[in-house]
Amino acid sequence: MRIKVWLAIALVMILPVKFFIASCAKTVVQTQPVSTTKPEIQKAQGISAEDAARAEWLKEERLQEEAAAREAAKASFVNENIYFAFDSSVLSDQAQQILNSKADYLRTNPDIMITVEGHCDDRGTDVYNIALGDRRAKSVKIFLVALGIDTNRLNTVSYGEGRPIATRHDDASWARNRRAQFVIN
């Protein structure tokens, strides 16, 4: 009878342990490897190939528009001259407005260095016009420095009457030649 009692005790102890082990067993699920190709990722995200192509096209178009805008701003910066009165290097109100916008451009493009060229009409001596062109270029530089542009980014040069835009000898041509012009280095 002792054997039967021992068997009963062993069964009572073994059976709960067996059930406990069986219930805690991990379930192994075999999965397929995840593919990382673009179309499959788009399909998993619910994006069709057409939508993805359109999004890529829109992104490229936006980048092209931004590049075109940068080029237009650069062209505007270079092509907009500062004009002076006869025998003067004083900046007019209009010239100061133009220089304010040029300073904004230079602030948004801190890696750009420029040369301010001073020009004159063909009246006066060569020596006088070189000095006047230098004063004009330097007045532009001083104004830009006062607006916060680093002086090391600005060079000046005077061409006097040596590089006219207009070659006629009338007031309109002379007015176009009395200028400060900008070159991006």
N, C-alpha and C. Protein backbone atom coordinates (compact mmCIF):
# COMPACT_ATOMS: atom_id res chain seq x y z
N MET A 1 0.78 -1.17 0.00
CA MET A 1 0.00 0.00 0.00
C MET A 1 0.85 1.27 0.00
N ARG A 2 1.93 1.18 0.55
CA ARG A 2 2.84 2.29 0.55
C ARG A 2 3.23 2.64 -0.88
N ILE A 3 3.39 1.69 -1.71
CA ILE A 3 3.76 1.93 -3.08
C ILE A 3 2.65 2.68 -3.77
N LYS A 4 1.42 2.30 -3.51
CA LYS A 4 0.30 2.99 -4.13
C LYS A 4 0.24 4.44 -3.67
N VAL A 5 0.55 4.70 -2.45
CA VAL A 5 0.53 6.07 -1.93
C VAL A 5 1.65 6.88 -2.61
N TRP A 6 2.78 6.29 -2.73
CA TRP A 6 3.88 6.97 -3.35
C TRP A 6 3.60 7.23 -4.84
N LEU A 7 2.99 6.29 -5.50
CA LEU A 7 2.61 6.48 -6.88
C LEU A 7 1.58 7.61 -7.00
N ALA A 8 0.63 7.64 -6.12
CA ALA A 8 -0.39 8.69 -6.15
C ALA A 8 0.24 10.06 -5.92
N ILE A 9 1.17 10.15 -5.00
CA ILE A 9 1.84 11.41 -4.70
C ILE A 9 2.67 11.84 -5.91
N ALA A 10 3.37 10.88 -6.53
CA ALA A 10 4.20 11.19 -7.68
C ALA A 10 3.33 11.69 -8.83
N LEU A 11 2.19 11.02 -9.04
CA LEU A 11 1.28 11.44 -10.10
C LEU A 11 0.74 12.84 -9.83
N VAL A 12 0.37 13.09 -8.63
CA VAL A 12 -0.17 14.40 -8.28
C VAL A 12 0.89 15.49 -8.49
N MET A 13 2.12 15.20 -8.31
CA MET A 13 3.17 16.19 -8.47
C MET A 13 3.64 16.29 -9.94
N ILE A 14 3.68 15.18 -10.64
CA ILE A 14 4.19 15.18 -12.00
C ILE A 14 3.18 15.79 -12.97
N LEU A 15 1.91 15.45 -12.84
CA LEU A 15 0.89 15.94 -13.77
C LEU A 15 0.79 17.46 -13.80
N PRO A 16 0.72 18.17 -12.68
CA PRO A 16 0.65 19.63 -12.77
C PRO A 16 1.91 20.24 -13.42
N VAL A 17 3.07 19.67 -13.13
CA VAL A 17 4.31 20.17 -13.71
C VAL A 17 4.27 19.98 -15.22
N LYS A 18 3.78 18.82 -15.67
CA LYS A 18 3.70 18.53 -17.09
C LYS A 18 2.72 19.50 -17.78
N PHE A 19 1.59 19.74 -17.16
CA PHE A 19 0.63 20.69 -17.74
C PHE A 19 1.20 22.12 -17.77
N PHE A 20 1.92 22.46 -16.73
CA PHE A 20 2.52 23.80 -16.67
C PHE A 20 3.54 23.96 -17.79
N ILE A 21 4.39 23.00 -18.00
CA ILE A 21 5.42 23.07 -19.03
C ILE A 21 4.78 23.11 -20.42
N ALA A 22 3.77 22.33 -20.62
CA ALA A 22 3.10 22.28 -21.92
C ALA A 22 2.39 23.60 -22.23
N SER A 23 1.84 24.26 -21.23
CA SER A 23 1.13 25.51 -21.48
C SER A 23 2.07 26.68 -21.69
N CYS A 24 3.28 26.63 -21.23
CA CYS A 24 4.24 27.71 -21.39
C CYS A 24 5.13 27.56 -22.61
N ALA A 25 4.95 26.57 -23.38
CA ALA A 25 5.79 26.35 -24.56
C ALA A 25 5.60 27.50 -25.55
N LYS A 26 6.70 27.94 -26.15
CA LYS A 26 6.64 29.04 -27.12
C LYS A 26 6.14 28.50 -28.45
N THR A 27 5.33 29.32 -29.10
CA THR A 27 4.84 28.97 -30.40
C THR A 27 5.80 29.57 -31.42
N VAL A 28 6.28 28.78 -32.31
CA VAL A 28 7.20 29.23 -33.34
C VAL A 28 6.41 29.45 -34.61
N VAL A 29 6.49 30.68 -35.09
CA VAL A 29 5.80 31.02 -36.33
C VAL A 29 6.87 31.30 -37.37
N GLN A 30 6.77 30.65 -38.48
CA GLN A 30 7.73 30.87 -39.54
C GLN A 30 7.22 32.00 -40.42
N THR A 31 8.08 33.04 -40.64
CA THR A 31 7.67 34.20 -41.42
C THR A 31 8.48 34.26 -42.71
N GLN A 32 7.93 34.98 -43.65
CA GLN A 32 8.61 35.21 -44.91
C GLN A 32 9.57 36.38 -44.71
N PRO A 33 10.74 36.36 -45.36
CA PRO A 33 11.63 37.52 -45.24
C PRO A 33 10.97 38.74 -45.87
N VAL A 34 11.20 39.92 -45.22
CA VAL A 34 10.60 41.17 -45.68
C VAL A 34 11.44 41.71 -46.84
N SER A 35 10.79 42.02 -47.92
CA SER A 35 11.47 42.58 -49.08
C SER A 35 11.52 44.10 -48.92
N THR A 36 12.62 44.70 -49.32
CA THR A 36 12.75 46.15 -49.17
C THR A 36 12.80 46.85 -50.52
N THR A 37 12.23 46.27 -51.53
CA THR A 37 12.20 46.98 -52.81
C THR A 37 11.18 48.09 -52.73
N LYS A 38 11.45 49.15 -53.45
CA LYS A 38 10.61 50.34 -53.40
C LYS A 38 9.14 50.05 -53.74
N PRO A 39 8.85 49.32 -54.82
CA PRO A 39 7.44 49.05 -55.12
C PRO A 39 6.73 48.27 -54.02
N GLU A 40 7.44 47.32 -53.40
CA GLU A 40 6.79 46.54 -52.34
C GLU A 40 6.57 47.38 -51.09
N ILE A 41 7.50 48.27 -50.80
CA ILE A 41 7.32 49.18 -49.65
C ILE A 41 6.14 50.10 -49.92
N GLN A 42 6.08 50.64 -51.14
CA GLN A 42 4.97 51.52 -51.49
C GLN A 42 3.64 50.77 -51.41
N LYS A 43 3.64 49.50 -51.87
CA LYS A 43 2.42 48.70 -51.81
C LYS A 43 2.01 48.46 -50.36
N ALA A 44 3.00 48.19 -49.51
CA ALA A 44 2.71 47.96 -48.09
C ALA A 44 2.19 49.23 -47.43
N GLN A 45 2.66 50.39 -47.89
CA GLN A 45 2.20 51.65 -47.33
C GLN A 45 0.92 52.14 -47.99
N GLY A 46 0.46 51.44 -48.98
CA GLY A 46 -0.78 51.83 -49.65
C GLY A 46 -0.57 52.89 -50.72
N ILE A 47 0.66 53.00 -51.25
CA ILE A 47 0.97 53.99 -52.27
C ILE A 47 1.10 53.26 -53.60
N SER A 48 0.38 53.71 -54.57
CA SER A 48 0.48 53.07 -55.88
C SER A 48 1.75 53.55 -56.59
N ALA A 49 2.15 52.81 -57.60
CA ALA A 49 3.34 53.19 -58.36
C ALA A 49 3.12 54.53 -59.06
N GLU A 50 1.90 54.79 -59.51
CA GLU A 50 1.59 56.06 -60.16
C GLU A 50 1.73 57.22 -59.18
N ASP A 51 1.21 57.03 -57.96
CA ASP A 51 1.32 58.08 -56.94
C ASP A 51 2.78 58.34 -56.58
N ALA A 52 3.56 57.27 -56.48
CA ALA A 52 4.97 57.43 -56.15
C ALA A 52 5.70 58.16 -57.27
N ALA A 53 5.40 57.83 -58.52
CA ALA A 53 6.03 58.51 -59.65
C ALA A 53 5.63 59.97 -59.68
N ARG A 54 4.38 60.26 -59.41
CA ARG A 54 3.91 61.64 -59.39
C ARG A 54 4.60 62.43 -58.27
N ALA A 55 4.74 61.81 -57.10
CA ALA A 55 5.41 62.48 -55.98
C ALA A 55 6.86 62.77 -56.33
N GLU A 56 7.53 61.84 -56.99
CA GLU A 56 8.92 62.04 -57.40
C GLU A 56 9.01 63.16 -58.43
N TRP A 57 8.08 63.18 -59.38
CA TRP A 57 8.06 64.22 -60.40
C TRP A 57 7.83 65.59 -59.76
N LEU A 58 6.89 65.66 -58.80
CA LEU A 58 6.62 66.93 -58.12
C LEU A 58 7.83 67.42 -57.34
N LYS A 59 8.54 66.48 -56.73
CA LYS A 59 9.74 66.84 -55.98
C LYS A 59 10.80 67.41 -56.92
N GLU A 60 11.01 66.76 -58.06
CA GLU A 60 11.99 67.25 -59.03
C GLU A 60 11.58 68.61 -59.58
N GLU A 61 10.30 68.80 -59.84
CA GLU A 61 9.82 70.08 -60.36
C GLU A 61 10.02 71.18 -59.33
N ARG A 62 9.76 70.89 -58.06
CA ARG A 62 9.96 71.88 -57.00
C ARG A 62 11.44 72.26 -56.90
N LEU A 63 12.33 71.27 -57.00
CA LEU A 63 13.76 71.56 -56.95
C LEU A 63 14.20 72.42 -58.15
N GLN A 64 13.63 72.14 -59.32
CA GLN A 64 13.95 72.95 -60.50
C GLN A 64 13.44 74.38 -60.34
N GLU A 65 12.25 74.54 -59.77
CA GLU A 65 11.70 75.88 -59.54
C GLU A 65 12.56 76.65 -58.55
N GLU A 66 13.02 75.97 -57.49
CA GLU A 66 13.88 76.63 -56.51
C GLU A 66 15.20 77.06 -57.15
N ALA A 67 15.77 76.20 -58.00
CA ALA A 67 17.01 76.54 -58.68
C ALA A 67 16.80 77.72 -59.63
N ALA A 68 15.66 77.73 -60.32
CA ALA A 68 15.35 78.84 -61.23
C ALA A 68 15.17 80.13 -60.44
N ALA A 69 14.53 80.04 -59.27
CA ALA A 69 14.34 81.24 -58.44
C ALA A 69 15.69 81.77 -57.96
N ARG A 70 16.60 80.86 -57.58
CA ARG A 70 17.94 81.30 -57.15
C ARG A 70 18.68 81.99 -58.30
N GLU A 71 18.57 81.42 -59.49
CA GLU A 71 19.23 82.02 -60.65
C GLU A 71 18.63 83.39 -60.99
N ALA A 72 17.30 83.51 -60.87
CA ALA A 72 16.64 84.79 -61.14
C ALA A 72 17.08 85.84 -60.12
N ALA A 73 17.19 85.44 -58.86
CA ALA A 73 17.64 86.37 -57.82
C ALA A 73 19.09 86.80 -58.08
N LYS A 74 19.90 85.86 -58.50
CA LYS A 74 21.30 86.17 -58.82
C LYS A 74 21.38 87.13 -60.00
N ALA A 75 20.59 86.86 -61.05
CA ALA A 75 20.59 87.73 -62.22
C ALA A 75 20.10 89.13 -61.86
N SER A 76 19.07 89.20 -61.03
CA SER A 76 18.55 90.50 -60.60
C SER A 76 19.62 91.25 -59.80
N PHE A 77 20.33 90.53 -58.95
CA PHE A 77 21.38 91.14 -58.15
C PHE A 77 22.46 91.74 -59.05
N VAL A 78 22.90 90.98 -60.04
CA VAL A 78 23.99 91.41 -60.90
C VAL A 78 23.53 92.51 -61.87
N ASN A 79 22.32 92.39 -62.39
CA ASN A 79 21.89 93.29 -63.46
C ASN A 79 21.30 94.61 -63.00
N GLU A 80 21.01 94.76 -61.73
CA GLU A 80 20.42 96.01 -61.24
C GLU A 80 21.55 96.93 -60.76
N ASN A 81 21.78 97.96 -61.52
CA ASN A 81 22.87 98.90 -61.22
C ASN A 81 22.39 100.04 -60.32
N ILE A 82 23.35 100.70 -59.71
CA ILE A 82 23.11 101.90 -58.92
C ILE A 82 23.55 103.08 -59.77
N TYR A 83 22.66 104.05 -59.94
CA TYR A 83 22.98 105.21 -60.79
C TYR A 83 23.21 106.45 -59.93
N PHE A 84 24.07 107.32 -60.44
CA PHE A 84 24.48 108.52 -59.71
C PHE A 84 24.18 109.77 -60.53
N ALA A 85 24.07 110.87 -59.81
CA ALA A 85 23.91 112.18 -60.46
C ALA A 85 25.26 112.59 -61.04
N PHE A 86 25.22 113.58 -61.90
CA PHE A 86 26.44 114.08 -62.53
C PHE A 86 27.44 114.55 -61.47
N ASP A 87 28.68 114.11 -61.60
CA ASP A 87 29.79 114.52 -60.74
C ASP A 87 29.49 114.27 -59.27
N SER A 88 28.85 113.11 -58.95
CA SER A 88 28.46 112.84 -57.57
C SER A 88 28.68 111.36 -57.24
N SER A 89 28.95 111.12 -55.98
CA SER A 89 29.02 109.74 -55.47
C SER A 89 28.01 109.54 -54.34
N VAL A 90 27.06 110.46 -54.22
CA VAL A 90 26.02 110.39 -53.18
C VAL A 90 24.93 109.42 -53.64
N LEU A 91 24.52 108.54 -52.73
CA LEU A 91 23.48 107.55 -53.04
C LEU A 91 22.10 108.19 -52.94
N SER A 92 21.31 108.06 -53.98
CA SER A 92 19.94 108.57 -53.96
C SER A 92 19.05 107.64 -53.12
N ASP A 93 17.83 108.09 -52.84
CA ASP A 93 16.88 107.24 -52.11
C ASP A 93 16.62 105.94 -52.86
N GLN A 94 16.47 106.04 -54.17
CA GLN A 94 16.22 104.85 -54.99
C GLN A 94 17.43 103.90 -54.91
N ALA A 95 18.62 104.45 -54.96
CA ALA A 95 19.83 103.64 -54.87
C ALA A 95 19.89 102.92 -53.52
N GLN A 96 19.50 103.62 -52.45
CA GLN A 96 19.51 103.01 -51.12
C GLN A 96 18.50 101.87 -51.03
N GLN A 97 17.34 102.01 -51.67
CA GLN A 97 16.35 100.93 -51.69
C GLN A 97 16.91 99.71 -52.42
N ILE A 98 17.53 99.95 -53.54
CA ILE A 98 18.14 98.85 -54.30
C ILE A 98 19.22 98.16 -53.47
N LEU A 99 20.03 98.95 -52.79
CA LEU A 99 21.09 98.38 -51.97
C LEU A 99 20.54 97.60 -50.78
N ASN A 100 19.39 98.03 -50.25
CA ASN A 100 18.76 97.25 -49.18
C ASN A 100 18.39 95.86 -49.68
N SER A 101 17.83 95.75 -50.88
CA SER A 101 17.48 94.43 -51.42
C SER A 101 18.74 93.64 -51.75
N LYS A 102 19.79 94.29 -52.20
CA LYS A 102 21.05 93.60 -52.47
C LYS A 102 21.66 93.08 -51.16
N ALA A 103 21.53 93.85 -50.09
CA ALA A 103 22.03 93.39 -48.79
C ALA A 103 21.25 92.16 -48.32
N ASP A 104 19.94 92.14 -48.56
CA ASP A 104 19.14 90.95 -48.21
C ASP A 104 19.64 89.73 -48.97
N TYR A 105 19.91 89.92 -50.26
CA TYR A 105 20.43 88.81 -51.07
C TYR A 105 21.77 88.33 -50.51
N LEU A 106 22.64 89.26 -50.15
CA LEU A 106 23.95 88.88 -49.62
C LEU A 106 23.83 88.18 -48.27
N ARG A 107 22.86 88.58 -47.46
CA ARG A 107 22.65 87.91 -46.16
C ARG A 107 22.18 86.47 -46.37
N THR A 108 21.33 86.25 -47.36
CA THR A 108 20.82 84.89 -47.59
C THR A 108 21.84 84.02 -48.34
N ASN A 109 22.87 84.63 -48.87
CA ASN A 109 23.93 83.90 -49.57
C ASN A 109 25.28 84.30 -48.98
N PRO A 110 25.58 83.82 -47.78
CA PRO A 110 26.78 84.31 -47.08
C PRO A 110 28.10 83.88 -47.69
N ASP A 111 28.09 82.96 -48.64
CA ASP A 111 29.34 82.51 -49.25
C ASP A 111 29.73 83.34 -50.47
N ILE A 112 28.86 84.27 -50.88
CA ILE A 112 29.12 85.07 -52.08
C ILE A 112 30.00 86.27 -51.74
N MET A 113 31.00 86.47 -52.59
CA MET A 113 31.84 87.66 -52.51
C MET A 113 31.59 88.46 -53.78
N ILE A 114 31.59 89.78 -53.67
CA ILE A 114 31.28 90.61 -54.84
C ILE A 114 32.34 91.69 -55.04
N THR A 115 32.35 92.17 -56.27
CA THR A 115 33.16 93.35 -56.60
C THR A 115 32.20 94.44 -57.06
N VAL A 116 32.33 95.61 -56.47
CA VAL A 116 31.53 96.77 -56.87
C VAL A 116 32.41 97.58 -57.81
N GLU A 117 31.92 97.74 -59.04
CA GLU A 117 32.64 98.50 -60.05
C GLU A 117 32.08 99.91 -60.14
N GLY A 118 32.95 100.91 -60.07
CA GLY A 118 32.54 102.30 -60.23
C GLY A 118 32.78 102.76 -61.66
N HIS A 119 31.76 103.38 -62.25
CA HIS A 119 31.84 103.84 -63.65
C HIS A 119 31.42 105.30 -63.74
N CYS A 120 31.88 105.96 -64.81
CA CYS A 120 31.56 107.37 -65.05
C CYS A 120 31.19 107.56 -66.53
N ASP A 121 30.63 108.74 -66.81
CA ASP A 121 30.44 109.09 -68.22
C ASP A 121 31.76 109.63 -68.77
N ASP A 122 31.78 109.99 -70.05
CA ASP A 122 33.05 110.35 -70.67
C ASP A 122 33.41 111.83 -70.56
N ARG A 123 32.68 112.55 -69.72
CA ARG A 123 33.05 113.96 -69.50
C ARG A 123 34.03 114.03 -68.35
N GLY A 124 35.02 114.83 -68.44
CA GLY A 124 36.06 114.94 -67.41
C GLY A 124 37.30 114.19 -67.85
N THR A 125 38.39 114.43 -67.12
CA THR A 125 39.66 113.78 -67.48
C THR A 125 39.66 112.33 -67.03
N ASP A 126 40.54 111.55 -67.60
CA ASP A 126 40.65 110.13 -67.22
C ASP A 126 40.97 109.98 -65.73
N VAL A 127 41.90 110.78 -65.25
CA VAL A 127 42.32 110.70 -63.85
C VAL A 127 41.14 111.06 -62.93
N TYR A 128 40.44 112.13 -63.27
CA TYR A 128 39.30 112.55 -62.46
C TYR A 128 38.22 111.47 -62.46
N ASN A 129 37.93 110.89 -63.62
CA ASN A 129 36.87 109.88 -63.71
C ASN A 129 37.24 108.59 -62.98
N ILE A 130 38.49 108.23 -62.97
CA ILE A 130 38.93 107.06 -62.20
C ILE A 130 38.69 107.32 -60.71
N ALA A 131 39.05 108.51 -60.24
CA ALA A 131 38.84 108.86 -58.82
C ALA A 131 37.35 108.91 -58.50
N LEU A 132 36.53 109.46 -59.39
CA LEU A 132 35.08 109.54 -59.16
C LEU A 132 34.47 108.13 -59.16
N GLY A 133 34.89 107.29 -60.06
CA GLY A 133 34.41 105.90 -60.08
C GLY A 133 34.77 105.17 -58.80
N ASP A 134 35.96 105.44 -58.27
CA ASP A 134 36.39 104.84 -57.01
C ASP A 134 35.52 105.33 -55.85
N ARG A 135 35.21 106.63 -55.81
CA ARG A 135 34.34 107.16 -54.75
C ARG A 135 32.95 106.53 -54.84
N ARG A 136 32.43 106.34 -56.03
CA ARG A 136 31.11 105.73 -56.21
C ARG A 136 31.10 104.28 -55.71
N ALA A 137 32.11 103.52 -56.09
CA ALA A 137 32.17 102.12 -55.64
C ALA A 137 32.32 102.05 -54.12
N LYS A 138 33.13 102.94 -53.56
CA LYS A 138 33.34 102.92 -52.11
C LYS A 138 32.10 103.39 -51.35
N SER A 139 31.32 104.31 -51.91
CA SER A 139 30.09 104.74 -51.21
C SER A 139 29.09 103.58 -51.16
N VAL A 140 29.05 102.78 -52.21
CA VAL A 140 28.18 101.59 -52.20
C VAL A 140 28.68 100.59 -51.15
N LYS A 141 29.99 100.37 -51.11
CA LYS A 141 30.56 99.43 -50.14
C LYS A 141 30.28 99.89 -48.71
N ILE A 142 30.48 101.16 -48.44
CA ILE A 142 30.24 101.70 -47.09
C ILE A 142 28.78 101.50 -46.69
N PHE A 143 27.87 101.74 -47.63
CA PHE A 143 26.45 101.57 -47.33
C PHE A 143 26.13 100.10 -47.02
N LEU A 144 26.68 99.17 -47.81
CA LEU A 144 26.42 97.74 -47.56
C LEU A 144 27.03 97.29 -46.23
N VAL A 145 28.20 97.79 -45.91
CA VAL A 145 28.83 97.45 -44.62
C VAL A 145 27.96 97.98 -43.48
N ALA A 146 27.40 99.17 -43.64
CA ALA A 146 26.51 99.73 -42.60
C ALA A 146 25.25 98.87 -42.43
N LEU A 147 24.87 98.14 -43.48
CA LEU A 147 23.71 97.24 -43.40
C LEU A 147 24.08 95.87 -42.85
N GLY A 148 25.35 95.68 -42.49
CA GLY A 148 25.74 94.43 -41.84
C GLY A 148 26.48 93.44 -42.72
N ILE A 149 26.83 93.83 -43.91
CA ILE A 149 27.58 92.93 -44.79
C ILE A 149 29.06 93.04 -44.45
N ASP A 150 29.72 91.90 -44.31
CA ASP A 150 31.13 91.87 -43.93
C ASP A 150 31.99 92.54 -45.01
N THR A 151 32.83 93.45 -44.58
CA THR A 151 33.67 94.21 -45.51
C THR A 151 34.60 93.30 -46.32
N ASN A 152 34.96 92.14 -45.78
CA ASN A 152 35.84 91.22 -46.48
C ASN A 152 35.16 90.55 -47.69
N ARG A 153 33.85 90.65 -47.76
CA ARG A 153 33.11 90.08 -48.89
C ARG A 153 32.96 91.06 -50.04
N LEU A 154 33.40 92.31 -49.83
CA LEU A 154 33.17 93.37 -50.82
C LEU A 154 34.50 93.94 -51.31
N ASN A 155 34.70 93.88 -52.60
CA ASN A 155 35.86 94.52 -53.23
C ASN A 155 35.36 95.69 -54.08
N THR A 156 36.23 96.65 -54.31
CA THR A 156 35.86 97.78 -55.18
C THR A 156 36.92 97.96 -56.25
N VAL A 157 36.45 98.45 -57.40
CA VAL A 157 37.35 98.79 -58.49
C VAL A 157 36.71 99.93 -59.27
N SER A 158 37.54 100.79 -59.84
CA SER A 158 37.03 101.89 -60.65
C SER A 158 37.51 101.71 -62.09
N TYR A 159 36.56 101.85 -63.01
CA TYR A 159 36.90 101.81 -64.43
C TYR A 159 36.76 103.19 -65.07
N GLY A 160 36.37 104.18 -64.26
CA GLY A 160 36.21 105.52 -64.80
C GLY A 160 35.26 105.50 -65.98
N GLU A 161 35.70 106.04 -67.11
CA GLU A 161 34.86 106.07 -68.30
C GLU A 161 35.21 104.92 -69.26
N GLY A 162 36.02 103.99 -68.81
CA GLY A 162 36.57 102.95 -69.67
C GLY A 162 35.61 101.86 -70.12
N ARG A 163 34.50 101.67 -69.45
CA ARG A 163 33.55 100.60 -69.83
C ARG A 163 32.12 101.15 -69.89
N PRO A 164 31.85 101.93 -70.89
CA PRO A 164 30.49 102.51 -70.97
C PRO A 164 29.45 101.47 -71.40
N ILE A 165 28.21 101.65 -70.91
CA ILE A 165 27.09 100.83 -71.36
C ILE A 165 26.52 101.46 -72.64
N ALA A 166 26.41 102.77 -72.62
CA ALA A 166 25.86 103.52 -73.76
C ALA A 166 26.98 104.36 -74.37
N THR A 167 27.06 104.34 -75.68
CA THR A 167 28.18 105.01 -76.34
C THR A 167 27.82 106.35 -76.98
N ARG A 168 26.57 106.72 -76.93
CA ARG A 168 26.17 108.01 -77.51
C ARG A 168 26.61 109.16 -76.60
N HIS A 169 26.62 110.33 -77.12
CA HIS A 169 27.02 111.51 -76.34
C HIS A 169 25.80 112.40 -76.11
N ASP A 170 24.90 111.90 -75.26
CA ASP A 170 23.71 112.66 -74.89
C ASP A 170 23.41 112.39 -73.41
N ASP A 171 22.47 113.16 -72.87
CA ASP A 171 22.18 113.06 -71.43
C ASP A 171 21.75 111.65 -71.02
N ALA A 172 20.91 111.00 -71.83
CA ALA A 172 20.42 109.66 -71.48
C ALA A 172 21.58 108.65 -71.42
N SER A 173 22.47 108.71 -72.37
CA SER A 173 23.62 107.80 -72.38
C SER A 173 24.56 108.09 -71.21
N TRP A 174 24.84 109.36 -70.98
CA TRP A 174 25.70 109.71 -69.85
C TRP A 174 25.11 109.25 -68.52
N ALA A 175 23.79 109.38 -68.38
CA ALA A 175 23.14 108.95 -67.13
C ALA A 175 23.29 107.44 -66.92
N ARG A 176 23.20 106.65 -67.98
CA ARG A 176 23.35 105.20 -67.87
C ARG A 176 24.77 104.80 -67.52
N ASN A 177 25.74 105.61 -67.92
CA ASN A 177 27.14 105.29 -67.67
C ASN A 177 27.60 105.68 -66.27
N ARG A 178 26.89 106.56 -65.59
CA ARG A 178 27.24 106.99 -64.22
C ARG A 178 26.65 105.97 -63.26
N ARG A 179 27.40 104.90 -62.96
CA ARG A 179 26.79 103.79 -62.24
C ARG A 179 27.82 103.05 -61.39
N ALA A 180 27.25 102.27 -60.47
CA ALA A 180 28.02 101.23 -59.77
C ALA A 180 27.41 99.91 -60.22
N GLN A 181 28.27 99.00 -60.61
CA GLN A 181 27.84 97.73 -61.15
C GLN A 181 28.37 96.61 -60.26
N PHE A 182 27.69 95.46 -60.22
CA PHE A 182 28.05 94.39 -59.31
C PHE A 182 28.47 93.14 -60.07
N VAL A 183 29.55 92.53 -59.61
CA VAL A 183 30.05 91.28 -60.18
C VAL A 183 30.22 90.29 -59.04
N ILE A 184 29.65 89.10 -59.22
CA ILE A 184 29.83 88.05 -58.21
C ILE A 184 31.13 87.33 -58.51
N ASN A 185 32.00 87.27 -57.51
CA ASN A 185 33.32 86.62 -57.68
C ASN A 185 33.21 85.12 -57.55
